[in-house]
Structure formats: C-alpha cells, structure tokens
Amino acid sequence: MAELKIPLKCTKCECDFILLSNKYIPKIEGCLEYSETTNLCNKCDTNYLLSENNDKCLPKIDHCSVYAELKSPLICTKCEWDFILLSEQCIPKIEGCLEYSETTNLCDKCDSNYVLYENTHKCLRKKKHCESHYIDDDKGKIYCRKCELDYF
C-alpha cells in the first residue's frame, strides 16, 4: 500500500515566533506588520521606531523629538519643548535652572533672577527690589529679608 503524504500546515507558533506565509519567523518585539517577502518589519507599535534596515523596532526614548540614527541603541539629540537633554535622557526643565547635575538630573545652579532651594533643587524666583532673601523651609517659599534702598 502506498503511503499517503499530506503536507503539514502550521496553525500556531511558539511564543518567540510568528506564523507568516505558513512558516515560522522570529518575532520582532514591537512589530505590528511584517513583510511577507523579506520577513522583516514594515510597521512598529507607536512606542517604537523602525530601524534603518527594518530588522528591529527600537523603543522610543520618552519625550525625545529627534534621534541621531535609527540604530540600536537609539540616541536622542533633541527633546520636546519642556524637556532638556541630559545623560541621553529627556528630563523636565526646571524654571530658572542654568546647570543640571549629570548624576542626579537635579538643578545645581539657577540664573540670576532665581535662588536655588537646596531641599528640592528648584529655582525660586527672587522678589523684586529685594537686596537679600531667605527661604522658609517649612513652606518652601522665598521671602525678602532686606529691601533695596527706597523700597519697603
């Protein structure tokens, strides 16, 4: 009796693979749409960017607006409006801050119209016509200690 050969058809794949054109291909994390001809990614999830050669979906850097290249790892070169680039990350700008710590991402120096509040590393706006200031630690507010000449 002749042996009957029935071609096997895959209907379900292991977790690290996807079924494309009836064959297993490695799953690309973050990929939403694959090319049936190249087995590469055509479209990534909104939290990813497609690499230059379409073999990876690269996780976006929070609040980054411009990247150096679409290669792994992604390197941010410009952040969104209210963020600054520090240690290859986009961190929220601190009003009045001139210098940030590379290690803590906190403000180290404020511009001349502000006073650095050491407890929070925030810049508190100086009071107008004030010669010297003090900060109330309990309230985190700045007050005028001594007014400029001719001001009360």
N, C-alpha and C. Protein backbone atom coordinates (compact mmCIF):
# COMPACT_ATOMS: atom_id res chain seq x y z
N MET A 1 0.85 -1.17 0.00
CA MET A 1 0.00 0.00 0.00
C MET A 1 0.90 1.24 0.00
N ALA A 2 0.55 2.19 -0.81
CA ALA A 2 1.32 3.43 -0.92
C ALA A 2 1.05 4.32 0.29
N GLU A 3 2.12 4.99 0.72
CA GLU A 3 1.99 5.87 1.88
C GLU A 3 1.42 7.21 1.44
N LEU A 4 0.41 7.68 2.11
CA LEU A 4 -0.22 8.95 1.79
C LEU A 4 0.55 10.07 2.47
N LYS A 5 1.04 11.02 1.68
CA LYS A 5 1.79 12.15 2.24
C LYS A 5 0.91 13.40 2.21
N ILE A 6 0.60 13.88 3.39
CA ILE A 6 -0.21 15.09 3.49
C ILE A 6 0.70 16.21 3.99
N PRO A 7 0.80 17.33 3.24
CA PRO A 7 1.65 18.42 3.73
C PRO A 7 1.09 18.98 5.04
N LEU A 8 2.00 19.18 5.99
CA LEU A 8 1.59 19.74 7.27
C LEU A 8 1.42 21.24 7.13
N LYS A 9 0.42 21.74 7.76
CA LYS A 9 0.18 23.18 7.74
C LYS A 9 0.19 23.69 9.17
N CYS A 10 1.06 24.65 9.44
CA CYS A 10 1.19 25.20 10.79
C CYS A 10 0.02 26.13 11.07
N THR A 11 -0.55 26.02 12.26
CA THR A 11 -1.65 26.91 12.64
C THR A 11 -1.35 27.72 13.90
N LYS A 12 -0.31 27.31 14.62
CA LYS A 12 0.03 28.02 15.85
C LYS A 12 1.54 27.93 16.07
N CYS A 13 2.14 29.06 16.49
CA CYS A 13 3.59 29.11 16.68
C CYS A 13 3.97 29.23 18.15
N GLU A 14 5.25 28.97 18.42
CA GLU A 14 5.78 29.19 19.76
C GLU A 14 5.85 30.70 20.02
N CYS A 15 6.02 31.08 21.26
CA CYS A 15 5.96 32.48 21.67
C CYS A 15 6.97 33.40 20.97
N ASP A 16 8.18 32.92 20.69
CA ASP A 16 9.21 33.77 20.10
C ASP A 16 9.16 33.81 18.59
N PHE A 17 8.12 33.22 18.00
CA PHE A 17 7.98 33.18 16.56
C PHE A 17 6.58 33.60 16.17
N ILE A 18 6.43 34.01 14.92
CA ILE A 18 5.09 34.28 14.39
C ILE A 18 4.91 33.46 13.13
N LEU A 19 3.69 33.24 12.77
CA LEU A 19 3.39 32.49 11.56
C LEU A 19 3.17 33.49 10.43
N LEU A 20 3.99 33.37 9.39
CA LEU A 20 3.88 34.27 8.24
C LEU A 20 4.04 33.42 6.98
N SER A 21 3.06 33.45 6.11
CA SER A 21 3.08 32.66 4.87
C SER A 21 3.37 31.19 5.16
N ASN A 22 2.73 30.68 6.20
CA ASN A 22 2.82 29.28 6.59
C ASN A 22 4.23 28.83 7.00
N LYS A 23 5.01 29.77 7.55
CA LYS A 23 6.32 29.38 8.08
C LYS A 23 6.61 30.20 9.34
N TYR A 24 7.46 29.61 10.17
CA TYR A 24 7.88 30.28 11.39
C TYR A 24 8.92 31.34 11.05
N ILE A 25 8.76 32.53 11.59
CA ILE A 25 9.83 33.54 11.52
C ILE A 25 9.99 34.13 12.91
N PRO A 26 11.21 34.57 13.26
CA PRO A 26 11.41 35.15 14.60
C PRO A 26 10.54 36.40 14.78
N LYS A 27 9.94 36.47 15.93
CA LYS A 27 9.10 37.62 16.28
C LYS A 27 9.99 38.82 16.58
N ILE A 28 9.60 39.99 16.06
CA ILE A 28 10.32 41.24 16.33
C ILE A 28 9.48 42.01 17.35
N GLU A 29 10.06 42.24 18.51
CA GLU A 29 9.33 42.94 19.58
C GLU A 29 8.86 44.31 19.09
N GLY A 30 7.58 44.59 19.28
CA GLY A 30 7.00 45.88 18.91
C GLY A 30 6.54 45.96 17.47
N CYS A 31 6.76 44.93 16.68
CA CYS A 31 6.37 44.96 15.27
C CYS A 31 4.87 44.65 15.13
N LEU A 32 4.19 45.47 14.34
CA LEU A 32 2.76 45.27 14.10
C LEU A 32 2.48 44.63 12.75
N GLU A 33 3.39 44.86 11.79
CA GLU A 33 3.15 44.39 10.43
C GLU A 33 4.46 43.90 9.81
N TYR A 34 4.45 42.71 9.26
CA TYR A 34 5.64 42.09 8.66
C TYR A 34 5.52 42.05 7.15
N SER A 35 6.66 42.06 6.48
CA SER A 35 6.71 41.89 5.03
C SER A 35 6.77 40.40 4.73
N GLU A 36 5.88 39.92 3.87
CA GLU A 36 5.88 38.50 3.52
C GLU A 36 7.05 38.14 2.62
N THR A 37 7.62 39.11 1.94
CA THR A 37 8.74 38.82 1.04
C THR A 37 10.09 38.85 1.75
N THR A 38 10.26 39.75 2.72
CA THR A 38 11.56 39.87 3.40
C THR A 38 11.56 39.28 4.80
N ASN A 39 10.37 39.02 5.36
CA ASN A 39 10.21 38.56 6.74
C ASN A 39 10.69 39.60 7.75
N LEU A 40 10.80 40.85 7.32
CA LEU A 40 11.21 41.95 8.20
C LEU A 40 9.98 42.76 8.57
N CYS A 41 10.18 43.72 9.43
CA CYS A 41 9.06 44.54 9.91
C CYS A 41 8.78 45.70 8.96
N ASN A 42 7.51 45.95 8.73
CA ASN A 42 7.09 47.11 7.93
C ASN A 42 6.59 48.26 8.81
N LYS A 43 6.04 47.88 9.97
CA LYS A 43 5.41 48.90 10.82
C LYS A 43 5.54 48.49 12.28
N CYS A 44 5.95 49.48 13.11
CA CYS A 44 6.10 49.23 14.55
C CYS A 44 4.95 49.85 15.33
N ASP A 45 4.78 49.38 16.54
CA ASP A 45 3.85 49.95 17.51
C ASP A 45 4.22 51.41 17.74
N THR A 46 3.28 52.22 18.22
CA THR A 46 3.53 53.66 18.41
C THR A 46 4.64 53.97 19.42
N ASN A 47 4.98 53.03 20.30
CA ASN A 47 6.05 53.26 21.28
C ASN A 47 7.42 52.85 20.77
N TYR A 48 7.51 52.52 19.48
CA TYR A 48 8.76 52.06 18.87
C TYR A 48 9.03 52.82 17.58
N LEU A 49 10.29 52.79 17.15
CA LEU A 49 10.69 53.32 15.85
C LEU A 49 11.31 52.18 15.05
N LEU A 50 11.00 52.13 13.77
CA LEU A 50 11.53 51.09 12.90
C LEU A 50 13.00 51.39 12.58
N SER A 51 13.87 50.38 12.76
CA SER A 51 15.30 50.56 12.49
C SER A 51 15.52 50.78 10.99
N GLU A 52 16.70 51.31 10.65
CA GLU A 52 17.02 51.62 9.26
C GLU A 52 16.92 50.41 8.34
N ASN A 53 17.28 49.23 8.84
CA ASN A 53 17.22 48.03 7.99
C ASN A 53 15.99 47.16 8.27
N ASN A 54 15.03 47.70 8.99
CA ASN A 54 13.73 47.06 9.25
C ASN A 54 13.80 45.75 10.03
N ASP A 55 14.93 45.48 10.69
CA ASP A 55 15.04 44.22 11.43
C ASP A 55 14.68 44.35 12.90
N LYS A 56 14.44 45.59 13.37
CA LYS A 56 14.12 45.82 14.79
C LYS A 56 13.12 46.96 14.92
N CYS A 57 12.36 46.90 15.99
CA CYS A 57 11.56 48.03 16.44
C CYS A 57 12.24 48.52 17.71
N LEU A 58 12.75 49.73 17.66
CA LEU A 58 13.55 50.28 18.75
C LEU A 58 12.66 51.07 19.71
N PRO A 59 12.71 50.78 21.02
CA PRO A 59 11.87 51.51 21.98
C PRO A 59 12.22 53.00 21.97
N LYS A 60 11.18 53.82 21.85
CA LYS A 60 11.38 55.27 21.86
C LYS A 60 11.88 55.73 23.23
N ILE A 61 12.61 56.84 23.23
CA ILE A 61 13.05 57.48 24.47
C ILE A 61 11.97 58.51 24.82
N ASP A 62 11.48 58.44 26.05
CA ASP A 62 10.41 59.36 26.48
C ASP A 62 10.78 60.81 26.20
N HIS A 63 9.87 61.54 25.57
CA HIS A 63 9.95 62.97 25.31
C HIS A 63 11.07 63.37 24.34
N CYS A 64 11.61 62.42 23.60
CA CYS A 64 12.63 62.72 22.59
C CYS A 64 11.93 63.06 21.28
N SER A 65 12.40 64.12 20.60
CA SER A 65 11.79 64.51 19.33
C SER A 65 12.70 64.24 18.13
N VAL A 66 14.03 64.16 18.35
CA VAL A 66 14.97 63.90 17.25
C VAL A 66 16.01 62.88 17.71
N TYR A 67 16.28 61.91 16.86
CA TYR A 67 17.27 60.87 17.15
C TYR A 67 18.45 60.99 16.20
N ALA A 68 19.63 60.57 16.67
CA ALA A 68 20.84 60.64 15.85
C ALA A 68 20.71 59.72 14.63
N GLU A 69 20.40 58.47 14.86
CA GLU A 69 20.21 57.48 13.80
C GLU A 69 19.18 56.47 14.28
N LEU A 70 18.59 55.79 13.33
CA LEU A 70 17.63 54.75 13.71
C LEU A 70 18.34 53.42 13.82
N LYS A 71 19.31 53.37 14.73
CA LYS A 71 20.09 52.17 15.01
C LYS A 71 20.03 51.92 16.52
N SER A 72 20.33 50.69 16.88
CA SER A 72 20.33 50.33 18.30
C SER A 72 21.69 50.61 18.92
N PRO A 73 21.76 51.20 20.07
CA PRO A 73 20.65 51.81 20.82
C PRO A 73 20.33 53.20 20.25
N LEU A 74 19.08 53.61 20.41
CA LEU A 74 18.69 54.95 19.98
C LEU A 74 19.41 55.99 20.81
N ILE A 75 19.82 57.07 20.16
CA ILE A 75 20.46 58.18 20.86
C ILE A 75 19.66 59.43 20.55
N CYS A 76 19.16 60.05 21.59
CA CYS A 76 18.36 61.26 21.44
C CYS A 76 19.28 62.47 21.26
N THR A 77 18.93 63.34 20.30
CA THR A 77 19.71 64.56 20.09
C THR A 77 18.90 65.82 20.40
N LYS A 78 17.58 65.68 20.50
CA LYS A 78 16.74 66.84 20.81
C LYS A 78 15.48 66.37 21.52
N CYS A 79 15.11 67.11 22.56
CA CYS A 79 13.91 66.76 23.35
C CYS A 79 12.74 67.65 22.98
N GLU A 80 11.56 67.23 23.42
CA GLU A 80 10.36 68.04 23.25
C GLU A 80 10.51 69.36 24.00
N TRP A 81 9.61 70.28 23.75
CA TRP A 81 9.67 71.66 24.22
C TRP A 81 10.03 71.85 25.69
N ASP A 82 9.35 71.25 26.60
CA ASP A 82 9.56 71.50 28.03
C ASP A 82 10.54 70.53 28.68
N PHE A 83 11.44 69.96 27.89
CA PHE A 83 12.42 68.99 28.39
C PHE A 83 13.81 69.37 27.91
N ILE A 84 14.82 68.94 28.68
CA ILE A 84 16.20 69.16 28.27
C ILE A 84 16.89 67.81 28.15
N LEU A 85 17.90 67.77 27.31
CA LEU A 85 18.67 66.54 27.10
C LEU A 85 19.80 66.48 28.11
N LEU A 86 19.80 65.42 28.91
CA LEU A 86 20.82 65.25 29.94
C LEU A 86 21.10 63.76 30.09
N SER A 87 22.34 63.37 29.94
CA SER A 87 22.74 61.96 30.04
C SER A 87 21.91 61.07 29.12
N GLU A 88 21.71 61.53 27.89
CA GLU A 88 20.96 60.80 26.86
C GLU A 88 19.50 60.54 27.23
N GLN A 89 18.97 61.35 28.15
CA GLN A 89 17.57 61.27 28.54
C GLN A 89 16.96 62.65 28.43
N CYS A 90 15.65 62.68 28.29
CA CYS A 90 14.92 63.95 28.29
C CYS A 90 14.27 64.10 29.66
N ILE A 91 14.68 65.16 30.36
CA ILE A 91 14.12 65.39 31.70
C ILE A 91 13.37 66.72 31.67
N PRO A 92 12.36 66.88 32.55
CA PRO A 92 11.61 68.14 32.57
C PRO A 92 12.51 69.31 32.93
N LYS A 93 12.31 70.42 32.20
CA LYS A 93 13.04 71.65 32.51
C LYS A 93 12.59 72.17 33.86
N ILE A 94 13.54 72.74 34.59
CA ILE A 94 13.23 73.40 35.85
C ILE A 94 13.33 74.89 35.58
N GLU A 95 12.24 75.60 35.81
CA GLU A 95 12.22 77.04 35.53
C GLU A 95 13.37 77.74 36.23
N GLY A 96 14.13 78.52 35.47
CA GLY A 96 15.22 79.31 36.03
C GLY A 96 16.53 78.56 36.20
N CYS A 97 16.57 77.28 35.89
CA CYS A 97 17.79 76.50 36.10
C CYS A 97 18.78 76.71 34.96
N LEU A 98 20.04 76.95 35.32
CA LEU A 98 21.11 77.12 34.35
C LEU A 98 21.96 75.87 34.19
N GLU A 99 22.20 75.17 35.29
CA GLU A 99 23.06 73.99 35.26
C GLU A 99 22.41 72.83 36.01
N TYR A 100 22.45 71.66 35.36
CA TYR A 100 21.89 70.45 35.95
C TYR A 100 23.01 69.48 36.30
N SER A 101 22.80 68.69 37.32
CA SER A 101 23.76 67.66 37.71
C SER A 101 23.64 66.48 36.75
N GLU A 102 24.75 66.03 36.20
CA GLU A 102 24.76 64.88 35.29
C GLU A 102 24.40 63.59 36.02
N THR A 103 24.66 63.53 37.31
CA THR A 103 24.42 62.30 38.05
C THR A 103 23.02 62.22 38.66
N THR A 104 22.47 63.36 39.08
CA THR A 104 21.16 63.34 39.74
C THR A 104 20.04 63.90 38.89
N ASN A 105 20.37 64.61 37.80
CA ASN A 105 19.40 65.29 36.93
C ASN A 105 18.66 66.41 37.66
N LEU A 106 19.21 66.88 38.78
CA LEU A 106 18.61 67.97 39.53
C LEU A 106 19.34 69.27 39.22
N CYS A 107 18.73 70.38 39.58
CA CYS A 107 19.34 71.68 39.32
C CYS A 107 20.46 71.96 40.31
N ASP A 108 21.59 72.42 39.78
CA ASP A 108 22.74 72.80 40.61
C ASP A 108 22.94 74.31 40.69
N LYS A 109 22.44 75.03 39.67
CA LYS A 109 22.67 76.48 39.62
C LYS A 109 21.51 77.14 38.90
N CYS A 110 21.02 78.23 39.50
CA CYS A 110 19.91 78.99 38.92
C CYS A 110 20.44 80.26 38.28
N ASP A 111 19.63 80.84 37.38
CA ASP A 111 20.05 82.11 36.79
C ASP A 111 19.90 83.22 37.82
N SER A 112 20.38 84.41 37.50
CA SER A 112 20.49 85.49 38.49
C SER A 112 19.16 86.00 39.04
N ASN A 113 18.04 85.69 38.41
CA ASN A 113 16.73 86.11 38.90
C ASN A 113 16.09 85.09 39.84
N TYR A 114 16.84 84.04 40.17
CA TYR A 114 16.33 82.95 41.00
C TYR A 114 17.32 82.61 42.10
N VAL A 115 16.79 81.91 43.12
CA VAL A 115 17.61 81.38 44.21
C VAL A 115 17.41 79.87 44.22
N LEU A 116 18.49 79.13 44.36
CA LEU A 116 18.39 77.67 44.39
C LEU A 116 17.90 77.23 45.77
N TYR A 117 16.80 76.50 45.79
CA TYR A 117 16.28 75.93 47.03
C TYR A 117 16.88 74.54 47.15
N GLU A 118 17.84 74.39 48.04
CA GLU A 118 18.63 73.16 48.17
C GLU A 118 17.79 71.93 48.49
N ASN A 119 16.71 72.09 49.25
CA ASN A 119 15.90 70.93 49.65
C ASN A 119 15.25 70.22 48.46
N THR A 120 14.85 71.01 47.46
CA THR A 120 14.15 70.43 46.31
C THR A 120 14.93 70.59 45.01
N HIS A 121 16.01 71.35 45.04
CA HIS A 121 16.80 71.66 43.84
C HIS A 121 15.95 72.38 42.80
N LYS A 122 15.01 73.17 43.26
CA LYS A 122 14.21 74.00 42.37
C LYS A 122 14.70 75.43 42.49
N CYS A 123 14.41 76.21 41.46
CA CYS A 123 14.79 77.62 41.46
C CYS A 123 13.57 78.45 41.84
N LEU A 124 13.72 79.23 42.89
CA LEU A 124 12.63 80.10 43.34
C LEU A 124 12.92 81.52 42.86
N ARG A 125 11.92 82.13 42.24
CA ARG A 125 12.10 83.47 41.68
C ARG A 125 12.31 84.49 42.81
N LYS A 126 13.35 85.31 42.65
CA LYS A 126 13.64 86.36 43.63
C LYS A 126 12.54 87.41 43.61
N LYS A 127 12.35 88.03 44.76
CA LYS A 127 11.37 89.12 44.88
C LYS A 127 11.99 90.39 44.29
N LYS A 128 11.17 91.17 43.62
CA LYS A 128 11.65 92.43 43.04
C LYS A 128 12.04 93.41 44.14
N HIS A 129 13.06 94.18 43.88
CA HIS A 129 13.55 95.24 44.77
C HIS A 129 13.96 94.69 46.13
N CYS A 130 14.47 93.51 46.14
CA CYS A 130 14.90 92.87 47.37
C CYS A 130 16.41 92.70 47.33
N GLU A 131 17.07 93.13 48.40
CA GLU A 131 18.53 93.04 48.48
C GLU A 131 19.00 91.67 48.96
N SER A 132 18.30 91.09 49.92
CA SER A 132 18.64 89.75 50.38
C SER A 132 17.36 88.96 50.66
N HIS A 133 17.44 87.66 50.42
CA HIS A 133 16.28 86.77 50.51
C HIS A 133 16.52 85.69 51.55
N TYR A 134 15.43 85.09 52.00
CA TYR A 134 15.53 83.88 52.80
C TYR A 134 14.41 82.94 52.38
N ILE A 135 14.64 81.66 52.59
CA ILE A 135 13.67 80.64 52.21
C ILE A 135 13.11 79.99 53.47
N ASP A 136 11.80 79.94 53.55
CA ASP A 136 11.13 79.26 54.65
C ASP A 136 11.09 77.77 54.28
N ASP A 137 11.88 76.97 55.00
CA ASP A 137 11.98 75.54 54.70
C ASP A 137 10.66 74.80 54.89
N ASP A 138 9.86 75.22 55.85
CA ASP A 138 8.58 74.55 56.10
C ASP A 138 7.61 74.76 54.94
N LYS A 139 7.63 75.95 54.36
CA LYS A 139 6.69 76.27 53.29
C LYS A 139 7.32 76.16 51.90
N GLY A 140 8.66 76.15 51.83
CA GLY A 140 9.33 76.10 50.53
C GLY A 140 9.11 77.37 49.74
N LYS A 141 8.99 78.50 50.45
CA LYS A 141 8.74 79.79 49.78
C LYS A 141 9.89 80.74 50.07
N ILE A 142 10.04 81.69 49.17
CA ILE A 142 11.10 82.68 49.30
C ILE A 142 10.48 84.00 49.77
N TYR A 143 11.21 84.67 50.68
CA TYR A 143 10.76 85.94 51.23
C TYR A 143 11.91 86.94 51.16
N CYS A 144 11.54 88.21 51.20
CA CYS A 144 12.54 89.26 51.20
C CYS A 144 12.96 89.55 52.64
N ARG A 145 14.27 89.48 52.88
CA ARG A 145 14.82 89.77 54.19
C ARG A 145 15.12 91.27 54.32
N LYS A 146 15.68 91.85 53.24
CA LYS A 146 16.05 93.26 53.26
C LYS A 146 15.76 93.86 51.88
N CYS A 147 14.98 94.95 51.88
CA CYS A 147 14.62 95.61 50.63
C CYS A 147 15.75 96.52 50.15
N GLU A 148 15.73 96.78 48.85
CA GLU A 148 16.68 97.73 48.28
C GLU A 148 16.36 99.12 48.83
N LEU A 149 17.32 100.01 48.73
CA LEU A 149 17.16 101.39 49.19
C LEU A 149 15.91 102.01 48.52
N ASP A 150 15.12 102.74 49.30
CA ASP A 150 13.89 103.40 48.86
C ASP A 150 12.72 102.45 48.59
N TYR A 151 12.81 101.21 49.02
CA TYR A 151 11.71 100.26 48.87
C TYR A 151 11.36 99.67 50.24
N PHE A 152 10.10 99.33 50.41
CA PHE A 152 9.63 98.76 51.67
C PHE A 152 9.10 97.37 51.44
